[in-house]
Amino acid sequence: MRARSMLVEHLKRHSDLKASVEAARFASLFPTLPELETVRSSFLRRLRKKPRLLVVEDQIMNEIHEVLDSDFRVFPISSLSQWNKERDDLSVDGALVDLHLTDDLSDNYGTTVIAEHLRRHTEIPAALMSVAPPPRYRAQDDLRIKYRLVDIVQKNSAGRLNGVDLLHAAHELVDVDDQSRVKRLNLWIDSDEYHVKSDSLLSGGRSARRDGMDRCSQEAEMLRAKARSAMLNVDSLHVEVMEFHRRWGPDRPGARY
């Protein structure tokens, strides 16, 4: 009892400790003790403030969780079957997705299944983790734009990640400063325009599709100019980019991609 009282008094004197994991664990041992209510509420507020990050990875999840845990709430998915069960109930702010989800590395499910689903059906920004992008992509920009990837985090030849690079990519997904938001909005513009052009090229040159491609490109360039403006209002740009996305994104009439 005396030791408990001493710890409670210590927490009262050091308010910066109240939101710590250790303090929360201590408070959980005494759930009805009113003196520890502020500890419990402080920790819950800290949890609510942490961005929620989906991590799809089948091999080094513990390593990733250790890097991200201090800044993010991590929601792990470790297989394609788990993804298929949970994909329609996602409530996250960003996603880190491994390119390969099989042991023999013969698949590209991270892009062809998961990133593509996020692009077509959600507004969740995604980043890819990979030793190397698929060989048919000559430049990483092609891959980023096709799947609306904010970043590509390189793994080394042993499949390990640089913690600094991983943390940087995770923050790029969720940070709310103007620079980060504009980068993500430009990616929406680039990705939607890319797929409109792809549709036009595969349509056999029909004039209606070419006209649509031209209109899309004109609107895209106007938005990019606004994004570069010294008088930029990011909230207004966000509204306009989402309107552009509704016109030219995957739900546009006749869209193949």
C-alpha atoms as a PDB file:
ATOM      1  CA  MET A   1       0.000   0.000   0.000  1.00  0.00           C
ATOM      2  CA  ARG A   2       2.760   2.415   0.907  1.00  0.00           C
ATOM      3  CA  ALA A   3       4.598   1.699  -2.350  1.00  0.00           C
ATOM      4  CA  ARG A   4       1.399   2.286  -4.321  1.00  0.00           C
ATOM      5  CA  SER A   5       0.804   5.596  -2.534  1.00  0.00           C
ATOM      6  CA  MET A   6       4.345   6.686  -3.285  1.00  0.00           C
ATOM      7  CA  LEU A   7       3.910   5.921  -7.000  1.00  0.00           C
ATOM      8  CA  VAL A   8       0.601   7.778  -7.126  1.00  0.00           C
ATOM      9  CA  GLU A   9       2.205  10.820  -5.497  1.00  0.00           C
ATOM     10  CA  HIS A  10       5.098  10.600  -7.940  1.00  0.00           C
ATOM     11  CA  LEU A  11       2.693  10.676 -10.888  1.00  0.00           C
ATOM     12  CA  LYS A  12       0.865  13.649  -9.408  1.00  0.00           C
ATOM     13  CA  ARG A  13       4.118  15.607  -9.172  1.00  0.00           C
ATOM     14  CA  HIS A  14       5.278  14.641 -12.685  1.00  0.00           C
ATOM     15  CA  SER A  15       2.343  15.268 -15.011  1.00  0.00           C
ATOM     16  CA  ASP A  16       4.475  14.504 -18.072  1.00  0.00           C
ATOM     17  CA  LEU A  17       4.496  10.822 -17.037  1.00  0.00           C
ATOM     18  CA  LYS A  18       0.730  10.423 -16.893  1.00  0.00           C
ATOM     19  CA  ALA A  19       0.313   9.554 -20.576  1.00  0.00           C
ATOM     20  CA  SER A  20       3.145   7.023 -20.626  1.00  0.00           C
ATOM     21  CA  VAL A  21       2.594   3.327 -21.326  1.00  0.00           C
ATOM     22  CA  GLU A  22       4.178   2.438 -17.971  1.00  0.00           C
ATOM     23  CA  ALA A  23       1.818   4.710 -16.047  1.00  0.00           C
ATOM     24  CA  ALA A  24      -1.176   3.250 -17.887  1.00  0.00           C
ATOM     25  CA  ARG A  25      -0.084  -0.287 -17.002  1.00  0.00           C
ATOM     26  CA  PHE A  26       0.235   0.706 -13.367  1.00  0.00           C
ATOM     27  CA  ALA A  27      -3.233   2.328 -13.409  1.00  0.00           C
ATOM     28  CA  SER A  28      -4.730  -0.801 -14.992  1.00  0.00           C
ATOM     29  CA  LEU A  29      -3.791  -2.746 -11.845  1.00  0.00           C
ATOM     30  CA  PHE A  30      -6.116  -0.517  -9.812  1.00  0.00           C
ATOM     31  CA  PRO A  31      -9.081   0.207 -12.135  1.00  0.00           C
ATOM     32  CA  THR A  32     -11.308   1.625  -9.353  1.00  0.00           C
ATOM     33  CA  LEU A  33      -8.750   3.869  -7.687  1.00  0.00           C
ATOM     34  CA  PRO A  34      -9.965   7.456  -8.268  1.00  0.00           C
ATOM     35  CA  GLU A  35      -6.484   8.953  -7.792  1.00  0.00           C
ATOM     36  CA  LEU A  36      -5.407   7.209 -11.026  1.00  0.00           C
ATOM     37  CA  GLU A  37      -8.316   8.359 -13.181  1.00  0.00           C
ATOM     38  CA  THR A  38      -6.245  11.192 -14.664  1.00  0.00           C
ATOM     39  CA  VAL A  39      -3.595   8.656 -15.693  1.00  0.00           C
ATOM     40  CA  ARG A  40      -6.163   6.511 -17.457  1.00  0.00           C
ATOM     41  CA  SER A  41      -7.744   9.483 -19.262  1.00  0.00           C
ATOM     42  CA  SER A  42      -4.349  10.946 -20.243  1.00  0.00           C
ATOM     43  CA  PHE A  43      -3.286   7.679 -21.838  1.00  0.00           C
ATOM     44  CA  LEU A  44      -6.590   7.355 -23.716  1.00  0.00           C
ATOM     45  CA  ARG A  45      -6.174  10.885 -25.083  1.00  0.00           C
ATOM     46  CA  ARG A  46      -2.675   9.969 -26.226  1.00  0.00           C
ATOM     47  CA  LEU A  47      -3.998   6.885 -28.010  1.00  0.00           C
ATOM     48  CA  ARG A  48      -6.709   8.903 -29.755  1.00  0.00           C
ATOM     49  CA  LYS A  49      -4.144  11.385 -31.018  1.00  0.00           C
ATOM     50  CA  LYS A  50      -1.916   8.735 -32.557  1.00  0.00           C
ATOM     51  CA  PRO A  51      -2.534   8.280 -36.293  1.00  0.00           C
ATOM     52  CA  ARG A  52      -3.846   4.841 -37.196  1.00  0.00           C
ATOM     53  CA  LEU A  53      -1.597   2.965 -39.604  1.00  0.00           C
ATOM     54  CA  LEU A  54      -2.417  -0.244 -41.448  1.00  0.00           C
ATOM     55  CA  VAL A  55       0.678  -2.394 -41.964  1.00  0.00           C
ATOM     56  CA  VAL A  56       0.467  -5.307 -44.406  1.00  0.00           C
ATOM     57  CA  GLU A  57       3.575  -7.448 -43.959  1.00  0.00           C
ATOM     58  CA  ASP A  58       4.066 -11.215 -43.730  1.00  0.00           C
ATOM     59  CA  GLN A  59       7.605 -11.521 -42.321  1.00  0.00           C
ATOM     60  CA  ILE A  60       9.016  -8.611 -40.277  1.00  0.00           C
ATOM     61  CA  MET A  61       5.896  -7.252 -38.567  1.00  0.00           C
ATOM     62  CA  ASN A  62       7.524  -7.157 -35.112  1.00  0.00           C
ATOM     63  CA  GLU A  63      10.422  -5.089 -36.426  1.00  0.00           C
ATOM     64  CA  ILE A  64       8.054  -2.622 -38.090  1.00  0.00           C
ATOM     65  CA  HIS A  65       5.831  -2.400 -35.026  1.00  0.00           C
ATOM     66  CA  GLU A  66       8.835  -1.598 -32.850  1.00  0.00           C
ATOM     67  CA  VAL A  67       9.828   1.307 -35.121  1.00  0.00           C
ATOM     68  CA  LEU A  68       6.326   2.774 -35.442  1.00  0.00           C
ATOM     69  CA  ASP A  69       4.815   2.120 -32.027  1.00  0.00           C
ATOM     70  CA  SER A  70       5.855   5.398 -30.404  1.00  0.00           C
ATOM     71  CA  ASP A  71       4.188   7.552 -33.073  1.00  0.00           C
ATOM     72  CA  PHE A  72       1.374   5.400 -34.486  1.00  0.00           C
ATOM     73  CA  ARG A  73      -1.345   2.934 -33.626  1.00  0.00           C
ATOM     74  CA  VAL A  74      -0.459  -0.049 -35.792  1.00  0.00           C
ATOM     75  CA  PHE A  75      -3.126  -2.320 -37.263  1.00  0.00           C
ATOM     76  CA  PRO A  76      -1.305  -5.420 -38.600  1.00  0.00           C
ATOM     77  CA  ILE A  77      -2.356  -7.668 -41.463  1.00  0.00           C
ATOM     78  CA  SER A  78      -0.033 -10.548 -42.252  1.00  0.00           C
ATOM     79  CA  SER A  79      -1.660 -12.456 -45.110  1.00  0.00           C
ATOM     80  CA  LEU A  80      -3.836 -12.051 -48.165  1.00  0.00           C
ATOM     81  CA  SER A  81      -6.618 -14.088 -46.546  1.00  0.00           C
ATOM     82  CA  GLN A  82      -6.647 -11.767 -43.516  1.00  0.00           C
ATOM     83  CA  TRP A  83      -6.736  -8.785 -45.868  1.00  0.00           C
ATOM     84  CA  ASN A  84      -9.746 -10.209 -47.704  1.00  0.00           C
ATOM     85  CA  LYS A  85     -11.602 -10.590 -44.403  1.00  0.00           C
ATOM     86  CA  GLU A  86     -10.830  -7.102 -43.079  1.00  0.00           C
ATOM     87  CA  ARG A  87     -10.509  -4.840 -46.116  1.00  0.00           C
ATOM     88  CA  ASP A  88     -14.115  -3.599 -46.019  1.00  0.00           C
ATOM     89  CA  ASP A  89     -13.904  -2.541 -42.369  1.00  0.00           C
ATOM     90  CA  LEU A  90     -10.743  -0.438 -42.462  1.00  0.00           C
ATOM     91  CA  SER A  91     -10.609   2.647 -40.260  1.00  0.00           C
ATOM     92  CA  VAL A  92      -7.058   3.918 -40.647  1.00  0.00           C
ATOM     93  CA  ASP A  93      -5.247   7.092 -41.688  1.00  0.00           C
ATOM     94  CA  GLY A  94      -2.608   5.457 -43.877  1.00  0.00           C
ATOM     95  CA  ALA A  95      -1.255   2.114 -45.080  1.00  0.00           C
ATOM     96  CA  LEU A  96       2.221   0.601 -45.374  1.00  0.00           C
ATOM     97  CA  VAL A  97       2.062  -2.365 -47.721  1.00  0.00           C
ATOM     98  CA  ASP A  98       4.686  -4.986 -48.534  1.00  0.00           C
ATOM     99  CA  LEU A  99       4.971  -5.815 -52.238  1.00  0.00           C
ATOM    100  CA  HIS A 100       5.125  -9.593 -51.721  1.00  0.00           C
ATOM    101  CA  LEU A 101       2.839 -11.634 -49.468  1.00  0.00           C
ATOM    102  CA  THR A 102       4.116 -15.122 -50.331  1.00  0.00           C
ATOM    103  CA  ASP A 103       7.327 -16.830 -49.211  1.00  0.00           C
ATOM    104  CA  ASP A 104       8.625 -17.383 -52.740  1.00  0.00           C
ATOM    105  CA  LEU A 105       8.160 -13.678 -53.649  1.00  0.00           C
ATOM    106  CA  SER A 106       6.359 -14.685 -56.833  1.00  0.00           C
ATOM    107  CA  ASP A 107       3.415 -12.350 -56.295  1.00  0.00           C
ATOM    108  CA  ASN A 108       2.877  -8.603 -56.427  1.00  0.00           C
ATOM    109  CA  TYR A 109      -0.249  -8.662 -54.260  1.00  0.00           C
ATOM    110  CA  GLY A 110       0.870  -5.543 -52.414  1.00  0.00           C
ATOM    111  CA  THR A 111       0.210  -3.520 -55.558  1.00  0.00           C
ATOM    112  CA  THR A 112      -2.129  -5.549 -57.764  1.00  0.00           C
ATOM    113  CA  VAL A 113      -4.530  -6.409 -54.937  1.00  0.00           C
ATOM    114  CA  ILE A 114      -4.069  -4.196 -51.880  1.00  0.00           C
ATOM    115  CA  ALA A 115      -2.803  -0.861 -53.209  1.00  0.00           C
ATOM    116  CA  GLU A 116      -5.217  -1.148 -56.128  1.00  0.00           C
ATOM    117  CA  HIS A 117      -8.136  -1.698 -53.748  1.00  0.00           C
ATOM    118  CA  LEU A 118      -7.102   1.290 -51.637  1.00  0.00           C
ATOM    119  CA  ARG A 119      -6.837   3.452 -54.763  1.00  0.00           C
ATOM    120  CA  ARG A 120     -10.148   2.408 -56.270  1.00  0.00           C
ATOM    121  CA  HIS A 121     -12.323   2.159 -53.176  1.00  0.00           C
ATOM    122  CA  THR A 122     -10.858   4.314 -50.401  1.00  0.00           C
ATOM    123  CA  GLU A 123      -9.154   7.637 -49.698  1.00  0.00           C
ATOM    124  CA  ILE A 124      -6.439   5.954 -47.608  1.00  0.00           C
ATOM    125  CA  PRO A 125      -2.922   7.028 -48.669  1.00  0.00           C
ATOM    126  CA  ALA A 126      -0.514   4.132 -49.112  1.00  0.00           C
ATOM    127  CA  ALA A 127       3.228   3.511 -49.280  1.00  0.00           C
ATOM    128  CA  LEU A 128       4.948   0.392 -50.599  1.00  0.00           C
ATOM    129  CA  MET A 129       7.748  -1.593 -48.953  1.00  0.00           C
ATOM    130  CA  SER A 130       9.938  -3.485 -51.419  1.00  0.00           C
ATOM    131  CA  VAL A 131      13.457  -4.689 -52.201  1.00  0.00           C
ATOM    132  CA  ALA A 132      12.808  -3.533 -55.760  1.00  0.00           C
ATOM    133  CA  PRO A 133       9.731  -2.544 -57.783  1.00  0.00           C
ATOM    134  CA  PRO A 134       8.457  -5.037 -60.374  1.00  0.00           C
ATOM    135  CA  PRO A 135      10.843  -5.136 -63.360  1.00  0.00           C
ATOM    136  CA  ARG A 136       8.293  -3.867 -65.884  1.00  0.00           C
ATOM    137  CA  TYR A 137       8.353  -0.455 -64.169  1.00  0.00           C
ATOM    138  CA  ARG A 138      11.371   1.434 -65.487  1.00  0.00           C
ATOM    139  CA  ALA A 139      10.966   4.208 -62.943  1.00  0.00           C
ATOM    140  CA  GLN A 140       9.500   4.203 -59.467  1.00  0.00           C
ATOM    141  CA  ASP A 141       7.399   7.237 -60.382  1.00  0.00           C
ATOM    142  CA  ASP A 142       5.416   5.060 -62.808  1.00  0.00           C
ATOM    143  CA  LEU A 143       4.615   2.636 -60.007  1.00  0.00           C
ATOM    144  CA  ARG A 144       3.785   5.407 -57.523  1.00  0.00           C
ATOM    145  CA  ILE A 145       1.389   7.159 -59.866  1.00  0.00           C
ATOM    146  CA  LYS A 146      -0.363   4.002 -61.098  1.00  0.00           C
ATOM    147  CA  TYR A 147      -1.160   2.830 -57.557  1.00  0.00           C
ATOM    148  CA  ARG A 148      -1.293   6.281 -55.889  1.00  0.00           C
ATOM    149  CA  LEU A 149       1.662   5.479 -53.633  1.00  0.00           C
ATOM    150  CA  VAL A 150       2.951   8.325 -51.486  1.00  0.00           C
ATOM    151  CA  ASP A 151       6.349   6.647 -51.108  1.00  0.00           C
ATOM    152  CA  ILE A 152       8.301   3.465 -51.786  1.00  0.00           C
ATOM    153  CA  VAL A 153      10.435   2.280 -48.879  1.00  0.00           C
ATOM    154  CA  GLN A 154      13.412   0.216 -49.984  1.00  0.00           C
ATOM    155  CA  LYS A 155      14.215  -3.014 -48.189  1.00  0.00           C
ATOM    156  CA  ASN A 156      17.766  -4.309 -48.297  1.00  0.00           C
ATOM    157  CA  SER A 157      18.700  -7.594 -49.976  1.00  0.00           C
ATOM    158  CA  ALA A 158      17.900  -9.471 -46.761  1.00  0.00           C
ATOM    159  CA  GLY A 159      14.393  -8.004 -46.669  1.00  0.00           C
ATOM    160  CA  ARG A 160      15.097  -5.649 -43.734  1.00  0.00           C
ATOM    161  CA  LEU A 161      14.065  -2.006 -43.461  1.00  0.00           C
ATOM    162  CA  ASN A 162      15.882   1.151 -42.462  1.00  0.00           C
ATOM    163  CA  GLY A 163      13.947   2.439 -39.459  1.00  0.00           C
ATOM    164  CA  VAL A 164      14.515   6.113 -40.318  1.00  0.00           C
ATOM    165  CA  ASP A 165      13.215   5.615 -43.869  1.00  0.00           C
ATOM    166  CA  LEU A 166      10.208   3.667 -42.595  1.00  0.00           C
ATOM    167  CA  LEU A 167       9.303   6.321 -40.042  1.00  0.00           C
ATOM    168  CA  HIS A 168       9.677   9.064 -42.647  1.00  0.00           C
ATOM    169  CA  ALA A 169       7.338   7.261 -45.061  1.00  0.00           C
ATOM    170  CA  ALA A 170       4.785   6.644 -42.320  1.00  0.00           C
ATOM    171  CA  HIS A 171       4.708  10.329 -41.447  1.00  0.00           C
ATOM    172  CA  GLU A 172       4.357  11.278 -45.115  1.00  0.00           C
ATOM    173  CA  LEU A 173       1.126   9.276 -45.156  1.00  0.00           C
ATOM    174  CA  VAL A 174      -0.538  11.122 -42.290  1.00  0.00           C
ATOM    175  CA  ASP A 175       1.191  14.443 -41.516  1.00  0.00           C
ATOM    176  CA  VAL A 176      -1.166  17.413 -41.809  1.00  0.00           C
ATOM    177  CA  ASP A 177       1.285  20.225 -42.564  1.00  0.00           C
ATOM    178  CA  ASP A 178       0.641  22.016 -45.857  1.00  0.00           C
ATOM    179  CA  GLN A 179       3.623  20.494 -47.667  1.00  0.00           C
ATOM    180  CA  SER A 180       2.596  16.910 -46.875  1.00  0.00           C
ATOM    181  CA  ARG A 181      -1.036  17.535 -47.795  1.00  0.00           C
ATOM    182  CA  VAL A 182      -0.125  19.167 -51.114  1.00  0.00           C
ATOM    183  CA  LYS A 183       2.187  16.273 -51.983  1.00  0.00           C
ATOM    184  CA  ARG A 184      -0.663  13.806 -51.443  1.00  0.00           C
ATOM    185  CA  LEU A 185      -3.137  15.942 -53.388  1.00  0.00           C
ATOM    186  CA  ASN A 186      -0.756  16.197 -56.348  1.00  0.00           C
ATOM    187  CA  LEU A 187      -0.524  12.420 -56.293  1.00  0.00           C
ATOM    188  CA  TRP A 188      -4.328  12.127 -56.554  1.00  0.00           C
ATOM    189  CA  ILE A 189      -4.229  14.410 -59.603  1.00  0.00           C
ATOM    190  CA  ASP A 190      -1.370  12.490 -61.243  1.00  0.00           C
ATOM    191  CA  SER A 191      -2.931   9.087 -60.587  1.00  0.00           C
ATOM    192  CA  ASP A 192      -6.381   9.947 -61.918  1.00  0.00           C
ATOM    193  CA  GLU A 193      -4.899  11.563 -65.033  1.00  0.00           C
ATOM    194  CA  TYR A 194      -2.653   8.531 -65.572  1.00  0.00           C
ATOM    195  CA  HIS A 195      -5.623   6.159 -65.607  1.00  0.00           C
ATOM    196  CA  VAL A 196      -7.732   8.385 -67.851  1.00  0.00           C
ATOM    197  CA  LYS A 197      -4.856   8.389 -70.352  1.00  0.00           C
ATOM    198  CA  SER A 198      -4.457   4.632 -70.033  1.00  0.00           C
ATOM    199  CA  ASP A 199      -8.146   4.172 -70.802  1.00  0.00           C
ATOM    200  CA  SER A 200      -7.830   6.396 -73.856  1.00  0.00           C
ATOM    201  CA  LEU A 201      -4.820   4.509 -75.224  1.00  0.00           C
ATOM    202  CA  LEU A 202      -6.575   1.152 -74.795  1.00  0.00           C
ATOM    203  CA  SER A 203      -9.829   2.319 -76.347  1.00  0.00           C
ATOM    204  CA  GLY A 204      -8.619   2.125 -79.928  1.00  0.00           C
ATOM    205  CA  GLY A 205      -8.454   5.890 -80.326  1.00  0.00           C
ATOM    206  CA  ARG A 206     -12.141   6.732 -80.000  1.00  0.00           C
ATOM    207  CA  SER A 207     -12.559  10.493 -80.249  1.00  0.00           C
ATOM    208  CA  ALA A 208     -14.854  10.757 -77.212  1.00  0.00           C
ATOM    209  CA  ARG A 209     -12.206   9.183 -75.004  1.00  0.00           C
ATOM    210  CA  ARG A 210      -9.505  11.418 -76.493  1.00  0.00           C
ATOM    211  CA  ASP A 211     -11.658  14.474 -75.801  1.00  0.00           C
ATOM    212  CA  GLY A 212     -12.159  13.298 -72.243  1.00  0.00           C
ATOM    213  CA  MET A 213      -8.425  12.795 -71.835  1.00  0.00           C
ATOM    214  CA  ASP A 214      -7.765  16.339 -73.050  1.00  0.00           C
ATOM    215  CA  ARG A 215     -10.315  17.828 -70.641  1.00  0.00           C
ATOM    216  CA  CYS A 216      -8.887  15.800 -67.772  1.00  0.00           C
ATOM    217  CA  SER A 217      -5.342  16.950 -68.558  1.00  0.00           C
ATOM    218  CA  GLN A 218      -6.418  20.600 -68.752  1.00  0.00           C
ATOM    219  CA  GLU A 219      -8.165  20.403 -65.384  1.00  0.00           C
ATOM    220  CA  ALA A 220      -5.201  18.553 -63.889  1.00  0.00           C
ATOM    221  CA  GLU A 221      -2.777  21.256 -65.008  1.00  0.00           C
ATOM    222  CA  MET A 222      -4.999  23.996 -63.578  1.00  0.00           C
ATOM    223  CA  LEU A 223      -4.988  22.224 -60.216  1.00  0.00           C
ATOM    224  CA  ARG A 224      -1.214  21.764 -60.307  1.00  0.00           C
ATOM    225  CA  ALA A 225      -0.839  25.481 -60.965  1.00  0.00           C
ATOM    226  CA  LYS A 226      -2.994  26.231 -57.921  1.00  0.00           C
ATOM    227  CA  ALA A 227      -0.862  23.859 -55.855  1.00  0.00           C
ATOM    228  CA  ARG A 228       2.233  25.862 -56.850  1.00  0.00           C
ATOM    229  CA  SER A 229       0.634  29.222 -56.107  1.00  0.00           C
ATOM    230  CA  ALA A 230       2.068  31.436 -53.363  1.00  0.00           C
ATOM    231  CA  MET A 231      -1.535  32.224 -52.377  1.00  0.00           C
ATOM    232  CA  LEU A 232      -2.419  28.557 -51.932  1.00  0.00           C
ATOM    233  CA  ASN A 233      -5.279  27.630 -49.611  1.00  0.00           C
ATOM    234  CA  VAL A 234      -4.778  23.902 -49.009  1.00  0.00           C
ATOM    235  CA  ASP A 235      -8.310  23.324 -47.709  1.00  0.00           C
ATOM    236  CA  SER A 236      -9.783  24.831 -50.899  1.00  0.00           C
ATOM    237  CA  LEU A 237      -7.370  22.817 -53.033  1.00  0.00           C
ATOM    238  CA  HIS A 238      -8.437  19.643 -51.226  1.00  0.00           C
ATOM    239  CA  VAL A 239     -12.088  20.302 -52.099  1.00  0.00           C
ATOM    240  CA  GLU A 240     -11.234  20.918 -55.768  1.00  0.00           C
ATOM    241  CA  VAL A 241      -9.036  17.824 -56.041  1.00  0.00           C
ATOM    242  CA  MET A 242     -11.790  15.653 -54.575  1.00  0.00           C
ATOM    243  CA  GLU A 243     -14.224  17.093 -57.131  1.00  0.00           C
ATOM    244  CA  PHE A 244     -11.670  16.316 -59.854  1.00  0.00           C
ATOM    245  CA  HIS A 245     -11.397  12.780 -58.471  1.00  0.00           C
ATOM    246  CA  ARG A 246     -15.158  12.301 -58.585  1.00  0.00           C
ATOM    247  CA  ARG A 247     -15.152  13.306 -62.258  1.00  0.00           C
ATOM    248  CA  TRP A 248     -12.016  11.466 -63.377  1.00  0.00           C
ATOM    249  CA  GLY A 249     -11.353   8.770 -60.758  1.00  0.00           C
ATOM    250  CA  PRO A 250     -12.284   5.063 -60.851  1.00  0.00           C
ATOM    251  CA  ASP A 251     -16.034   5.834 -60.649  1.00  0.00           C
ATOM    252  CA  ARG A 252     -16.066   7.878 -63.861  1.00  0.00           C
ATOM    253  CA  PRO A 253     -18.424   6.508 -66.558  1.00  0.00           C
ATOM    254  CA  GLY A 254     -16.818   3.770 -68.598  1.00  0.00           C
ATOM    255  CA  ALA A 255     -13.675   3.584 -66.463  1.00  0.00           C
ATOM    256  CA  ARG A 256     -11.545   0.501 -66.913  1.00  0.00           C
ATOM    257  CA  TYR A 257      -8.982   1.480 -64.279  1.00  0.00           C
END
